[in-house]
Amino acid sequence: MAAAVQHLLPALQELGRGTILFINGGSAVHPNGAVTGTSVAFAGESAYGLMLHNALAPENIHVAQLIIPHGIGGGDPDHEPDALAETIWSLHRDRAGFRTFVGGEAA
C-alpha cells in the first residue's frame, strides 16, 4: 500500500484533490488469532492510513478506510458488490471521517 501511495501522491498533490481509500477486513480493528497475519498487517495499514488522513487533509486529499467485516457477499445486502461500490463512491464523494464500517458498526 505504501508503494501505491508513494506512486500516486505526487499526482494528487499536483491536482490539488483526490481520495486514497484503504479497504480492510474486520481484523483491522478487531485482532483475531485465527487471522494473525492480517490482524498485524491491517493494524499497521490502519495506522498509516490515519496518519495520511491527518497529514493530507490540509492539501484537500481525503484518506479513508472502509472496514468490511465478514467479507464480501454472503447474503447480507450491505456486503454485496453493488452496495459496496456505492459505499466506496460515497466515501470519495462525501469525504467524511477516516473509518467507515460496512453494516454501521461504530468506529
Protein backbone atom coordinates (compact mmCIF):
# COMPACT_ATOMS: atom_id res chain seq x y z
CA MET A 1 0.00 0.00 0.00
CA ALA A 2 2.80 2.41 0.84
CA ALA A 3 4.31 1.92 -2.64
CA ALA A 4 0.95 2.72 -4.27
CA VAL A 5 0.57 5.86 -2.15
CA GLN A 6 4.12 6.99 -2.97
CA HIS A 7 3.41 6.48 -6.66
CA LEU A 8 0.07 8.31 -6.75
CA LEU A 9 0.51 11.02 -4.13
CA PRO A 10 2.54 13.46 -6.27
CA ALA A 11 -0.20 13.45 -8.95
CA LEU A 12 -2.91 14.03 -6.34
CA GLN A 13 -0.89 16.87 -4.82
CA GLU A 14 -0.38 18.43 -8.24
CA LEU A 15 -4.11 18.11 -8.94
CA GLY A 16 -4.91 19.56 -5.51
CA ARG A 17 -7.52 16.94 -4.64
CA GLY A 18 -8.28 13.24 -4.59
CA THR A 19 -9.05 10.24 -2.44
CA ILE A 20 -6.92 7.40 -1.15
CA LEU A 21 -9.01 4.50 0.12
CA PHE A 22 -7.84 1.65 2.31
CA ILE A 23 -10.18 -1.37 2.30
CA ASN A 24 -9.74 -3.95 5.05
CA GLY A 25 -11.49 -6.77 6.81
CA GLY A 26 -12.66 -6.69 10.40
CA SER A 27 -9.30 -7.85 11.78
CA ALA A 28 -8.01 -4.34 11.07
CA VAL A 29 -9.83 -3.15 14.19
CA HIS A 30 -10.67 -6.41 15.98
CA PRO A 31 -7.50 -8.55 16.06
CA ASN A 32 -8.16 -12.26 15.76
CA GLY A 33 -5.69 -15.05 16.42
CA ALA A 34 -7.25 -17.12 13.65
CA VAL A 35 -6.05 -14.49 11.16
CA THR A 36 -2.93 -13.26 12.93
CA GLY A 37 -1.17 -12.19 9.73
CA THR A 38 -3.93 -9.89 8.58
CA SER A 39 -4.57 -8.66 12.11
CA VAL A 40 -0.98 -7.42 12.36
CA ALA A 41 -0.71 -6.17 8.77
CA PHE A 42 -4.08 -4.41 8.82
CA ALA A 43 -3.26 -2.72 12.14
CA GLY A 44 -0.15 -1.20 10.58
CA GLU A 45 -2.05 -0.21 7.46
CA SER A 46 -4.76 1.39 9.60
CA ALA A 47 -2.21 3.47 11.48
CA TYR A 48 -0.53 4.51 8.23
CA GLY A 49 -3.88 5.47 6.71
CA LEU A 50 -4.92 7.54 9.72
CA MET A 51 -1.60 9.39 9.70
CA LEU A 52 -2.07 10.12 5.99
CA HIS A 53 -5.65 11.23 6.64
CA ASN A 54 -4.45 13.81 9.16
CA ALA A 55 -1.41 14.93 7.18
CA LEU A 56 -3.08 15.28 3.77
CA ALA A 57 -6.40 16.86 4.77
CA PRO A 58 -4.94 20.40 4.51
CA GLU A 59 -3.98 19.57 0.89
CA ASN A 60 -7.60 18.59 0.05
CA ILE A 61 -6.61 14.92 -0.28
CA HIS A 62 -9.04 12.66 1.53
CA VAL A 63 -7.79 9.40 3.02
CA ALA A 64 -10.39 6.95 4.27
CA GLN A 65 -10.65 3.36 5.41
CA LEU A 66 -13.55 1.01 4.71
CA ILE A 67 -13.86 -1.98 7.02
CA ILE A 68 -15.79 -4.90 5.54
CA PRO A 69 -16.36 -7.36 8.39
CA HIS A 70 -17.27 -10.93 7.38
CA GLY A 71 -16.17 -10.46 3.76
CA ILE A 72 -17.93 -9.65 0.52
CA GLY A 73 -21.23 -11.25 -0.39
CA GLY A 74 -22.67 -13.96 1.79
CA GLY A 75 -26.27 -12.80 1.54
CA ASP A 76 -26.00 -9.62 3.62
CA PRO A 77 -27.27 -6.81 1.35
CA ASP A 78 -24.68 -4.34 2.72
CA HIS A 79 -21.88 -6.74 1.72
CA GLU A 80 -22.96 -7.34 -1.87
CA PRO A 81 -20.71 -5.90 -4.62
CA ASP A 82 -23.19 -3.26 -5.85
CA ALA A 83 -23.79 -1.98 -2.32
CA LEU A 84 -20.05 -1.91 -1.62
CA ALA A 85 -19.45 0.01 -4.86
CA GLU A 86 -21.97 2.63 -3.72
CA THR A 87 -20.32 2.82 -0.30
CA ILE A 88 -16.89 3.29 -1.88
CA TRP A 89 -18.23 6.02 -4.17
CA SER A 90 -19.88 7.79 -1.21
CA LEU A 91 -16.59 7.76 0.72
CA HIS A 92 -14.98 9.61 -2.17
CA ARG A 93 -17.92 11.92 -2.81
CA ASP A 94 -18.85 12.83 0.77
CA ARG A 95 -15.32 12.93 2.23
CA ALA A 96 -16.45 12.11 5.76
CA GLY A 97 -14.14 10.90 8.53
CA PHE A 98 -11.41 8.32 8.31
CA ARG A 99 -13.04 4.98 9.16
CA THR A 100 -16.35 3.56 7.95
CA PHE A 101 -17.75 0.12 8.74
CA VAL A 102 -19.98 -1.79 6.35
CA GLY A 103 -23.07 -2.60 8.37
CA GLY A 104 -22.79 0.50 10.52
CA GLU A 105 -20.54 -0.71 13.35
CA ALA A 106 -19.21 2.19 15.40
CA ALA A 107 -15.57 3.18 14.91
